[in-house]
Protein backbone atom coordinates (compact mmCIF):
# COMPACT_ATOMS: atom_id res chain seq x y z
CA UNK A 1 1.21 13.61 -32.54
CA UNK A 2 2.57 13.96 -28.85
CA UNK A 3 3.76 10.64 -27.47
CA UNK A 4 5.55 9.04 -24.25
CA UNK A 5 6.47 5.88 -22.88
CA UNK A 6 6.16 4.32 -19.69
CA UNK A 7 7.65 1.07 -18.54
CA UNK A 8 6.31 -1.54 -16.07
CA UNK A 9 8.97 -2.16 -13.41
CA UNK A 10 7.47 -5.30 -11.94
CA UNK A 11 4.89 -7.25 -11.71
CA UNK A 12 4.34 -7.99 -8.19
CA UNK A 13 6.54 -7.49 -4.78
CA UNK A 14 9.33 -9.99 -4.74
CA UNK A 15 9.52 -9.66 -8.37
CA UNK A 16 13.25 -8.46 -10.48
CA UNK A 17 14.90 -5.03 -10.04
CA UNK A 18 17.39 -5.31 -13.21
CA UNK A 19 15.42 -5.26 -15.38
CA UNK A 20 13.68 -2.05 -14.14
CA UNK A 21 17.42 -0.60 -14.08
CA UNK A 22 17.31 -1.67 -17.86
CA UNK A 23 14.45 0.17 -18.74
CA UNK A 24 15.32 3.12 -17.12
CA UNK A 25 18.64 2.94 -18.51
CA UNK A 26 17.72 1.71 -21.94
CA UNK A 27 14.21 2.12 -22.87
CA UNK A 28 14.10 6.09 -23.88
CA UNK A 29 10.76 5.90 -20.94
CA UNK A 30 9.57 8.68 -19.48
CA UNK A 31 7.88 7.16 -16.83
CA UNK A 32 8.40 3.50 -14.63
CA UNK A 33 5.90 2.09 -13.19
CA UNK A 34 6.23 -0.57 -10.33
CA UNK A 35 2.96 -2.58 -9.47
CA UNK A 36 3.74 -4.65 -6.33
CA UNK A 37 0.59 -4.55 -4.75
CA UNK A 38 -1.75 -8.15 -4.68
CA UNK A 39 -4.75 -8.13 -1.85
CA UNK A 40 -3.06 -10.21 0.68
CA UNK A 41 -0.15 -8.36 0.39
CA UNK A 42 -1.81 -5.30 1.92
CA UNK A 43 -3.53 -7.13 4.83
CA UNK A 44 0.11 -8.49 5.76
CA UNK A 45 1.69 -4.92 5.12
CA UNK A 46 -1.40 -3.78 7.82
CA UNK A 47 -0.32 -6.37 10.36
CA UNK A 48 3.47 -5.34 10.07
CA UNK A 49 2.35 -1.51 10.29
CA UNK A 50 0.19 -2.28 13.80
CA UNK A 51 3.29 -3.60 14.94
CA UNK A 52 5.79 -0.95 13.92
CA UNK A 53 3.57 2.42 12.86
CA UNK A 54 7.08 3.29 11.18
CA UNK A 55 6.69 0.01 8.25
CA UNK A 56 3.79 -1.31 6.32
CA UNK A 57 5.26 -0.62 3.03
CA UNK A 58 6.70 -2.83 0.55
CA UNK A 59 10.08 -4.50 1.99
CA UNK A 60 12.25 -4.65 -1.28
CA UNK A 61 10.83 -0.73 -1.71
CA UNK A 62 14.48 0.39 -0.37
CA UNK A 63 16.24 -1.70 -2.73
CA UNK A 64 14.37 -0.68 -5.98
CA UNK A 65 14.96 2.82 -5.19
CA UNK A 66 18.52 2.25 -4.39
CA UNK A 67 18.95 -0.05 -7.61
CA UNK A 68 17.03 2.88 -9.91
CA UNK A 69 16.87 6.25 -8.50
CA UNK A 70 20.21 7.71 -9.93
CA UNK A 71 19.42 6.58 -13.16
CA UNK A 72 15.71 7.54 -13.20
CA UNK A 73 16.73 11.41 -12.13
CA UNK A 74 19.52 11.29 -14.63
CA UNK A 75 17.19 10.62 -17.56
CA UNK A 76 14.54 12.13 -16.45
CA UNK A 77 12.46 9.31 -15.45
CA UNK A 78 9.16 9.62 -13.07
CA UNK A 79 8.61 7.04 -10.84
CA UNK A 80 4.88 5.51 -9.89
CA UNK A 81 4.24 2.60 -7.66
CA UNK A 82 1.96 1.08 -5.20
CA UNK A 83 4.79 -0.50 -2.88
CA UNK A 84 3.30 2.28 -0.25
CA UNK A 85 0.76 -0.74 0.38
CA UNK A 86 -0.10 -0.19 3.98
CA UNK A 87 1.66 3.12 4.74
CA UNK A 88 2.41 4.86 1.75
CA UNK A 89 3.87 8.44 3.89
CA UNK A 90 6.16 6.26 5.51
CA UNK A 91 7.67 4.93 2.34
CA UNK A 92 7.80 8.06 0.71
CA UNK A 93 9.58 8.87 3.88
CA UNK A 94 11.81 6.21 3.00
CA UNK A 95 12.40 7.06 -0.74
CA UNK A 96 13.65 10.25 0.41
CA UNK A 97 16.17 8.91 3.02
CA UNK A 98 17.48 6.58 0.26
CA UNK A 99 17.97 9.64 -2.21
CA UNK A 100 19.52 11.37 0.36
CA UNK A 101 21.95 8.77 1.16
CA UNK A 102 22.21 8.46 -2.92
CA UNK A 103 23.10 12.65 -3.00
CA UNK A 104 19.73 12.91 -5.09
CA UNK A 105 18.70 16.76 -4.80
CA UNK A 106 15.61 18.46 -6.25
CA UNK A 107 13.04 16.07 -5.80
CA UNK A 108 9.68 15.95 -5.08
CA UNK A 109 7.79 12.76 -3.47
CA UNK A 110 3.93 12.27 -3.12
CA UNK A 111 2.43 10.05 -1.32
CA UNK A 112 -1.02 8.91 -1.99
CA UNK A 113 -3.51 7.63 1.12
CA UNK A 114 -6.75 7.60 2.21
CA UNK A 115 -7.80 3.72 0.69
CA UNK A 116 -7.89 2.52 4.07
CA UNK A 117 -11.36 1.87 4.53
CA UNK A 118 -11.17 -0.19 7.92
CA UNK A 119 -12.77 2.31 10.61
CA UNK A 120 -15.22 3.39 8.55
CA UNK A 121 -16.53 -0.59 7.34
CA UNK A 122 -16.76 -2.48 10.54
CA UNK A 123 -20.28 -1.33 11.58
CA UNK A 124 -21.50 -1.12 8.12
CA UNK A 125 -24.15 -3.31 7.48
CA UNK A 126 -21.95 -5.04 4.08
CA UNK A 127 -22.62 -7.87 2.34
CA UNK A 128 -19.30 -9.84 1.45
CA UNK A 129 -19.34 -10.18 -2.38
CA UNK A 130 -17.75 -13.95 -2.82
CA UNK A 131 -20.13 -15.64 0.02
CA UNK A 132 -23.11 -13.36 0.66
CA UNK A 133 -23.03 -12.84 4.00
CA UNK A 134 -22.67 -10.06 6.20
CA UNK A 135 -19.60 -8.72 7.33
CA UNK A 136 -20.22 -8.38 10.77
CA UNK A 137 -19.82 -12.16 10.88
CA UNK A 138 -16.02 -11.91 10.40
CA UNK A 139 -15.69 -8.37 12.60
CA UNK A 140 -14.22 -9.30 15.20
CA UNK A 141 -10.92 -11.20 12.80
CA UNK A 142 -10.98 -8.05 10.39
CA UNK A 143 -7.22 -7.09 10.03
CA UNK A 144 -7.28 -4.50 6.80
CA UNK A 145 -10.00 -2.87 4.28
CA UNK A 146 -8.69 -1.29 1.18
CA UNK A 147 -10.70 0.42 -1.42
CA UNK A 148 -9.37 0.82 -4.83
CA UNK A 149 -8.67 4.00 -5.93
CA UNK A 150 -8.45 5.10 -9.08
CA UNK A 151 -5.87 7.31 -11.07
CA UNK A 152 -6.83 10.80 -9.82
CA UNK A 153 -5.13 11.29 -6.73
CA UNK A 154 -2.09 10.09 -9.04
CA UNK A 155 -2.67 12.92 -11.52
CA UNK A 156 -3.30 15.20 -9.00
CA UNK A 157 0.60 14.56 -7.52
CA UNK A 158 1.71 14.41 -11.04
CA UNK A 159 -0.02 17.94 -11.51
CA UNK A 160 2.08 19.55 -8.43
CA UNK A 161 5.36 18.72 -9.64
CA UNK A 162 5.88 14.93 -7.91
CA UNK A 163 8.63 13.13 -9.35
CA UNK A 164 7.75 9.90 -7.54
CA UNK A 165 4.32 9.08 -6.65
CA UNK A 166 4.23 6.16 -4.02
CA UNK A 167 0.68 4.69 -3.05
CA UNK A 168 -1.54 2.41 -1.33
CA UNK A 169 -4.06 0.33 -3.12
CA UNK A 170 -5.25 1.62 -6.25
CA UNK A 171 -6.59 -0.36 -9.14
CA UNK A 172 -3.51 -2.06 -11.41
CA UNK A 173 -4.20 -0.35 -14.12
CA UNK A 174 -4.44 3.29 -12.73
CA UNK A 175 -0.87 3.30 -11.87
CA UNK A 176 -0.28 3.46 -15.91
CA UNK A 177 -3.50 5.12 -16.96
CA UNK A 178 -2.50 8.27 -14.10
CA UNK A 179 1.09 9.90 -16.23
CA UNK A 180 -1.60 9.10 -19.92
CA UNK A 181 -4.47 11.25 -18.27
CA UNK A 182 -1.81 14.08 -17.06
CA UNK A 183 0.57 14.23 -19.95
CA UNK A 184 -2.25 14.31 -22.49
CA UNK A 185 -5.08 16.35 -20.35
CA UNK A 186 -7.46 13.35 -20.95
CA UNK A 187 -10.82 14.04 -19.59
CA UNK A 188 -11.36 11.63 -16.61
CA UNK A 189 -14.75 10.91 -18.11
CA UNK A 190 -13.96 10.52 -21.60
CA UNK A 191 -14.72 6.88 -21.38
CA UNK A 192 -13.35 5.75 -24.84
CA UNK A 193 -9.88 7.03 -23.69
CA UNK A 194 -10.10 5.74 -20.26
CA UNK A 195 -11.14 2.28 -21.66
CA UNK A 196 -7.73 2.59 -23.92
CA UNK A 197 -5.47 4.08 -20.64
CA UNK A 198 -7.43 1.19 -18.69
CA UNK A 199 -5.98 -1.63 -21.54
CA UNK A 200 -2.57 -0.37 -21.27
CA UNK A 201 -2.50 -0.32 -18.28
CA UNK A 202 -3.67 -4.25 -17.94
CA UNK A 203 -1.15 -5.22 -20.54
CA UNK A 204 1.57 -3.48 -18.65
CA UNK A 205 0.86 -4.70 -14.87
CA UNK A 206 2.08 -7.66 -14.78
CA UNK A 207 5.47 -6.74 -16.24
CA UNK A 208 7.68 -10.22 -17.25
CA UNK A 209 4.25 -11.94 -18.32
CA UNK A 210 4.06 -10.26 -21.45
CA UNK A 211 7.35 -10.15 -22.81
CA UNK A 212 7.13 -13.97 -22.99
CA UNK A 213 7.98 -14.91 -18.93
CA UNK A 214 4.45 -16.64 -18.55
CA UNK A 215 3.94 -17.58 -22.14
CA UNK A 216 7.40 -19.74 -22.34
CA UNK A 217 6.74 -23.58 -22.42
CA UNK A 218 9.80 -25.52 -23.72
CA UNK A 219 9.14 -27.00 -27.10
CA UNK A 220 5.24 -25.59 -27.89
CA UNK A 221 5.86 -22.14 -27.09
CA UNK A 222 9.94 -21.22 -26.87
CA UNK A 223 10.88 -18.09 -25.66
CA UNK A 224 14.52 -16.49 -26.28
CA UNK A 225 16.78 -15.45 -23.13
CA UNK A 226 14.36 -15.78 -20.51
CA UNK A 227 17.05 -15.77 -17.53
CA UNK A 228 17.52 -12.21 -19.04
CA UNK A 229 14.18 -11.68 -19.52
CA UNK A 230 13.05 -8.18 -20.18
CA UNK A 231 9.86 -6.02 -19.35
CA UNK A 232 7.79 -4.08 -21.27
CA UNK A 233 7.16 -0.63 -22.73
CA UNK A 234 4.31 1.25 -24.09
CA UNK A 235 4.41 3.89 -26.65
CA UNK A 236 1.47 5.52 -26.47
CA UNK A 237 -0.08 8.46 -28.35
CA UNK A 238 -2.34 11.81 -27.59
CA UNK A 239 -5.17 9.78 -29.27
CA UNK A 240 -4.86 6.49 -27.25
CA UNK A 241 -3.42 4.44 -29.72
CA UNK A 242 -0.09 2.19 -28.49
CA UNK A 243 2.31 -0.50 -28.94
CA UNK A 244 4.16 -2.74 -26.48
CA UNK A 245 7.60 -3.47 -26.78
CA UNK A 246 10.39 -3.99 -24.89
CA UNK A 247 14.93 -3.13 -24.96
CA UNK A 248 16.03 -4.61 -27.87
CA UNK A 249 19.18 -6.25 -26.34
CA UNK A 250 16.54 -7.90 -23.28
CA UNK A 251 15.65 -11.09 -22.92
CA UNK A 252 12.02 -12.55 -23.77
CA UNK A 253 9.36 -11.27 -26.96
CA UNK A 254 6.67 -9.13 -27.68
CA UNK A 255 4.08 -10.69 -29.98
CA UNK A 256 0.59 -11.17 -30.86
CA UNK A 257 0.40 -14.47 -28.63
CA UNK A 258 1.92 -12.90 -25.54
CA UNK A 259 -0.27 -9.71 -25.71
CA UNK A 260 -3.18 -11.99 -25.57
CA UNK A 261 -2.73 -13.88 -23.40
CA UNK A 262 -2.03 -11.23 -21.11
CA UNK A 263 -5.29 -9.58 -22.27
CA UNK A 264 -7.40 -12.59 -21.25
CA UNK A 265 -5.43 -12.63 -17.39
CA UNK A 266 -7.53 -12.24 -14.69
CA UNK A 267 -10.33 -10.12 -16.09
CA UNK A 268 -14.10 -11.36 -15.80
CA UNK A 269 -16.78 -9.32 -17.79
CA UNK A 270 -14.54 -8.76 -21.09
CA UNK A 271 -17.19 -6.20 -22.36
CA UNK A 272 -17.04 -4.42 -18.46
CA UNK A 273 -13.89 -4.89 -17.02
CA UNK A 274 -14.79 -2.62 -14.00
CA UNK A 275 -12.04 -0.16 -12.38
CA UNK A 276 -12.34 2.95 -10.36
CA UNK A 277 -11.83 5.05 -13.43
CA UNK A 278 -14.08 3.21 -16.19
CA UNK A 279 -16.03 -0.02 -17.56
CA UNK A 280 -13.51 -1.13 -20.02
CA UNK A 281 -14.29 -2.83 -23.14
CA UNK A 282 -11.72 -5.36 -23.90
CA UNK A 283 -14.40 -6.81 -27.04
CA UNK A 284 -13.06 -4.66 -29.63
CA UNK A 285 -9.54 -4.78 -29.32
CA UNK A 286 -7.24 -5.82 -32.21
CA UNK A 287 -3.59 -6.96 -32.00
CA UNK A 288 -1.24 -6.07 -34.99
CA UNK A 289 2.61 -7.11 -35.29
CA UNK A 290 3.99 -4.07 -36.11
CA UNK A 291 7.84 -5.19 -36.24
CA UNK A 292 9.78 -6.99 -33.81
CA UNK A 293 8.85 -7.10 -30.67
CA UNK A 294 6.52 -4.42 -31.18
CA UNK A 295 2.84 -5.06 -31.14
CA UNK A 296 0.18 -2.12 -31.81
CA UNK A 297 -3.33 -2.17 -29.67
CA UNK A 298 -6.33 -0.99 -30.88
CA UNK A 299 -10.03 -0.74 -30.85
CA UNK A 300 -10.23 -0.56 -26.63
CA UNK A 301 -13.12 1.79 -25.35
CA UNK A 302 -15.30 2.09 -22.25
CA UNK A 303 -18.38 3.35 -20.49
CA UNK A 304 -18.87 5.55 -17.57
CA UNK A 305 -17.74 4.61 -14.39
CA UNK A 306 -19.26 2.53 -11.38
CA UNK A 307 -20.79 4.73 -8.16
CA UNK A 308 -19.01 2.22 -5.60
CA UNK A 309 -15.92 1.02 -5.04
CA UNK A 310 -14.50 -2.54 -4.69
CA UNK A 311 -13.12 -2.93 -0.97
CA UNK A 312 -10.52 -5.64 -0.27
CA UNK A 313 -10.79 -6.82 3.29
CA UNK A 314 -8.69 -9.25 4.87
CA UNK A 315 -9.12 -11.23 8.50
CA UNK A 316 -7.62 -13.85 10.27
CA UNK A 317 -9.62 -16.95 8.83
CA UNK A 318 -7.10 -19.74 9.96
CA UNK A 319 -3.89 -21.46 10.97
CA UNK A 320 -2.20 -24.09 8.53
CA UNK A 321 0.34 -26.92 9.83
CA UNK A 322 2.49 -28.49 7.41
CA UNK A 323 4.91 -30.88 7.63
CA UNK A 324 7.16 -32.61 4.32
CA UNK A 325 9.23 -35.81 4.22
CA UNK A 326 11.10 -37.03 0.85
CA UNK A 327 11.74 -40.37 0.01
CA UNK A 328 14.04 -42.03 -3.29
CA UNK A 329 14.82 -44.92 -4.81
CA UNK A 330 12.96 -48.41 -5.01
CA UNK A 331 9.72 -48.39 -3.46
CA UNK A 332 9.79 -44.26 -2.88
CA UNK A 333 6.03 -44.21 -4.10
CA UNK A 334 5.09 -47.21 -1.11
CA UNK A 335 7.50 -45.92 1.25
CA UNK A 336 5.72 -41.86 0.90
CA UNK A 337 1.98 -43.45 0.93
CA UNK A 338 3.06 -45.50 4.13
CA UNK A 339 4.48 -42.28 5.33
CA UNK A 340 1.15 -40.38 5.31
CA UNK A 341 -1.03 -43.29 6.34
CA UNK A 342 0.95 -43.73 9.07
CA UNK A 343 0.89 -39.47 10.34
CA UNK A 344 -3.47 -40.08 9.68
CA UNK A 345 -3.42 -42.16 11.83
CA UNK A 346 -1.31 -40.69 14.27
CA UNK A 347 -3.53 -37.37 14.06
CA UNK A 348 -6.04 -39.41 14.77
CA UNK A 349 -4.75 -41.52 18.08
CA UNK A 350 -3.36 -37.77 19.13
CA UNK A 351 -6.75 -35.74 18.56
CA UNK A 352 -5.65 -33.50 16.68
CA UNK A 353 -8.52 -30.99 15.57
CA UNK A 354 -8.59 -29.94 12.02
CA UNK A 355 -10.93 -28.43 9.53
CA UNK A 356 -9.41 -29.48 6.35
CA UNK A 357 -6.53 -31.98 6.26
CA UNK A 358 -4.72 -32.88 2.65
CA UNK A 359 -2.22 -36.00 2.49
CA UNK A 360 0.22 -35.77 -1.04
CA UNK A 361 2.83 -37.05 -2.36
CA UNK A 362 4.43 -33.87 -4.20
CA UNK A 363 5.15 -35.44 -8.00
CA UNK A 364 2.42 -37.91 -7.76
CA UNK A 365 -0.69 -36.85 -7.10
CA UNK A 366 -0.62 -33.03 -5.34
CA UNK A 367 -1.61 -31.69 -8.09
CA UNK A 368 -4.34 -33.55 -10.13
CA UNK A 369 -5.55 -36.40 -7.64
CA UNK A 370 -4.84 -39.95 -7.57
CA UNK A 371 -7.36 -40.97 -10.83
CA UNK A 372 -5.17 -38.67 -13.37
CA UNK A 373 -1.76 -39.73 -11.73
CA UNK A 374 -2.21 -43.63 -11.52
CA UNK A 375 0.46 -45.82 -13.43
CA UNK A 376 3.47 -43.12 -12.71
CA UNK A 377 6.30 -44.22 -10.84
CA UNK A 378 8.49 -41.62 -10.08
CA UNK A 379 11.93 -42.31 -8.62
CA UNK A 380 11.80 -39.83 -5.83
CA UNK A 381 8.59 -38.30 -4.16
CA UNK A 382 8.04 -36.03 -1.50
CA UNK A 383 5.37 -37.05 1.69
CA UNK A 384 3.10 -33.60 2.35
CA UNK A 385 0.81 -33.45 4.94
CA UNK A 386 -1.24 -29.91 5.44
CA UNK A 387 -3.89 -28.80 7.64
CA UNK A 388 -6.13 -25.93 8.50
CA UNK A 389 -6.81 -25.67 11.90
CA UNK A 390 -8.33 -22.73 14.40
CA UNK A 391 -5.54 -22.44 16.52
CA UNK A 392 -1.30 -22.21 15.83
CA UNK A 393 -1.25 -24.80 18.55
CA UNK A 394 -3.59 -27.10 16.63
CA UNK A 395 -1.18 -26.50 13.76
CA UNK A 396 2.12 -26.93 15.24
CA UNK A 397 1.06 -30.38 16.20
CA UNK A 398 0.58 -31.53 12.46
CA UNK A 399 3.94 -30.92 11.42
CA UNK A 400 5.79 -32.39 14.73
CA UNK A 401 3.97 -35.89 13.37
CA UNK A 402 5.51 -35.01 10.34
CA UNK A 403 8.71 -35.05 11.77
CA UNK A 404 9.03 -37.93 13.89
CA UNK A 405 8.80 -39.94 10.67
CA UNK A 406 12.65 -39.29 10.67
CA UNK A 407 13.19 -41.87 13.60
CA UNK A 408 9.13 -43.83 13.41
CA UNK A 409 8.26 -43.84 9.66
CA UNK A 410 9.66 -45.74 6.48
CA UNK A 411 12.86 -46.29 5.99
CA UNK A 412 15.22 -43.56 3.95
CA UNK A 413 13.20 -40.39 5.02
CA UNK A 414 15.07 -37.42 4.45
CA UNK A 415 14.84 -33.53 4.24
CA UNK A 416 11.86 -33.30 6.65
CA UNK A 417 10.48 -29.60 7.21
CA UNK A 418 7.52 -28.62 8.97
CA UNK A 419 5.99 -25.22 9.44
CA UNK A 420 2.71 -23.62 10.99
CA UNK A 421 1.34 -20.18 10.08
CA UNK A 422 -1.67 -17.86 10.25
CA UNK A 423 -3.67 -17.36 7.45
CA UNK A 424 -4.73 -14.10 6.13
CA UNK A 425 -8.06 -14.54 4.23
CA UNK A 426 -9.31 -12.12 1.59
CA UNK A 427 -13.09 -10.74 0.69
CA UNK A 428 -14.15 -8.10 -0.60
CA UNK A 429 -17.83 -6.03 -0.45
CA UNK A 430 -18.72 -2.53 -1.96
CA UNK A 431 -19.11 0.63 -0.77
CA UNK A 432 -20.22 3.88 -2.10
CA UNK A 433 -17.61 5.96 -3.73
CA UNK A 434 -18.32 8.70 -1.67
CA UNK A 435 -17.24 7.19 1.61
CA UNK A 436 -13.86 7.38 0.21
CA UNK A 437 -11.24 10.29 0.06
CA UNK A 438 -7.59 10.15 -1.04
CA UNK A 439 -4.67 12.27 0.43
CA UNK A 440 -1.71 13.41 -1.17
CA UNK A 441 1.28 13.70 1.24
CA UNK A 442 4.21 15.50 -0.09
CA UNK A 443 8.24 15.18 0.91
CA UNK A 444 10.52 17.64 -0.80
CA UNK A 445 14.29 17.13 -1.19
């Protein structure tokens, strides 16, 4: 029975690069997928594109391609990635530039676009899923709107001979489902097979999480070699059965527990995990440890895909002003608290306008609040003030008041730091599938 091996080269935009190289060199894989696009990431990329039409793709695209292109070409490994972000065509052109610089020839690069629906939805009477409000309420603040696209355009690119496929906003599991659909000639309306491919993609999409990175907890859940964490590989057969593994000499581990934790990560209804390709059913999934760092996955099914697609919408929500300063030694907590009290009073005296404000002692109460943190007296603390404002000017003033503690606050303050930044918030809406038309652009060397 025919089988293929797919490696996960990244689980987020800033992920490590060397594990992907290890997969391409030692993993005996046919596909290397880089999942690097979060909801907020694409909004930030869209802002970059508005300033310069030649950018808007993932900032580490060039570095990743420089690291893996030669070995992938040598070992006949195809690359699929969503590092195109807000500008897949420019990303494809950048990959072509890197390949030419490396002396690589006979390469076909496909850019999948069409997910940008900002102009389409601006005047639609859409409901914001998270709040129930109408989209028109934030119309003037919109930065981006990208529909989650499925595997179909990636499959099209592979059928047309693409060695590399770079996309914008596709559903994360679709990156991994596409090569399976293409290689085995699966029908896109075989819902059970689509469900199996989606579960595979969901397990691989966060890379090192399933090989023990996010699982590790010293003394409770020990993981070997986490500094040299290997990224996962899925070996899948034509009938949809597959197992998860890794390069044997790489750090980390693949066990029943690491797989179960990853399967439960970021899912809503396990009986209907909705993607553009299928409503996957996770409830029948079973894991079986078939060898060291080898876990077989069976039992996934699926139901027909929905008539609508989710749109991830980015908008300018507010601004954040933040300041921090450290205190150490005897009485550190008392001095840190005095610092916070001083800033709180100063903000009132200066008339700083904010919508929300937090006063935290990092190391004492910043995560769990005063009630759960009582009785804890650390030797060092970091005072942090964070406020949300409606303009940059007010945000800057918050950090400034923390910085003035250097000479006007409790004794021993050090390491003051401040920042003010724009906040891109995300909401979502549903639009008819028919309004989203994918396009595939090719660059050839």
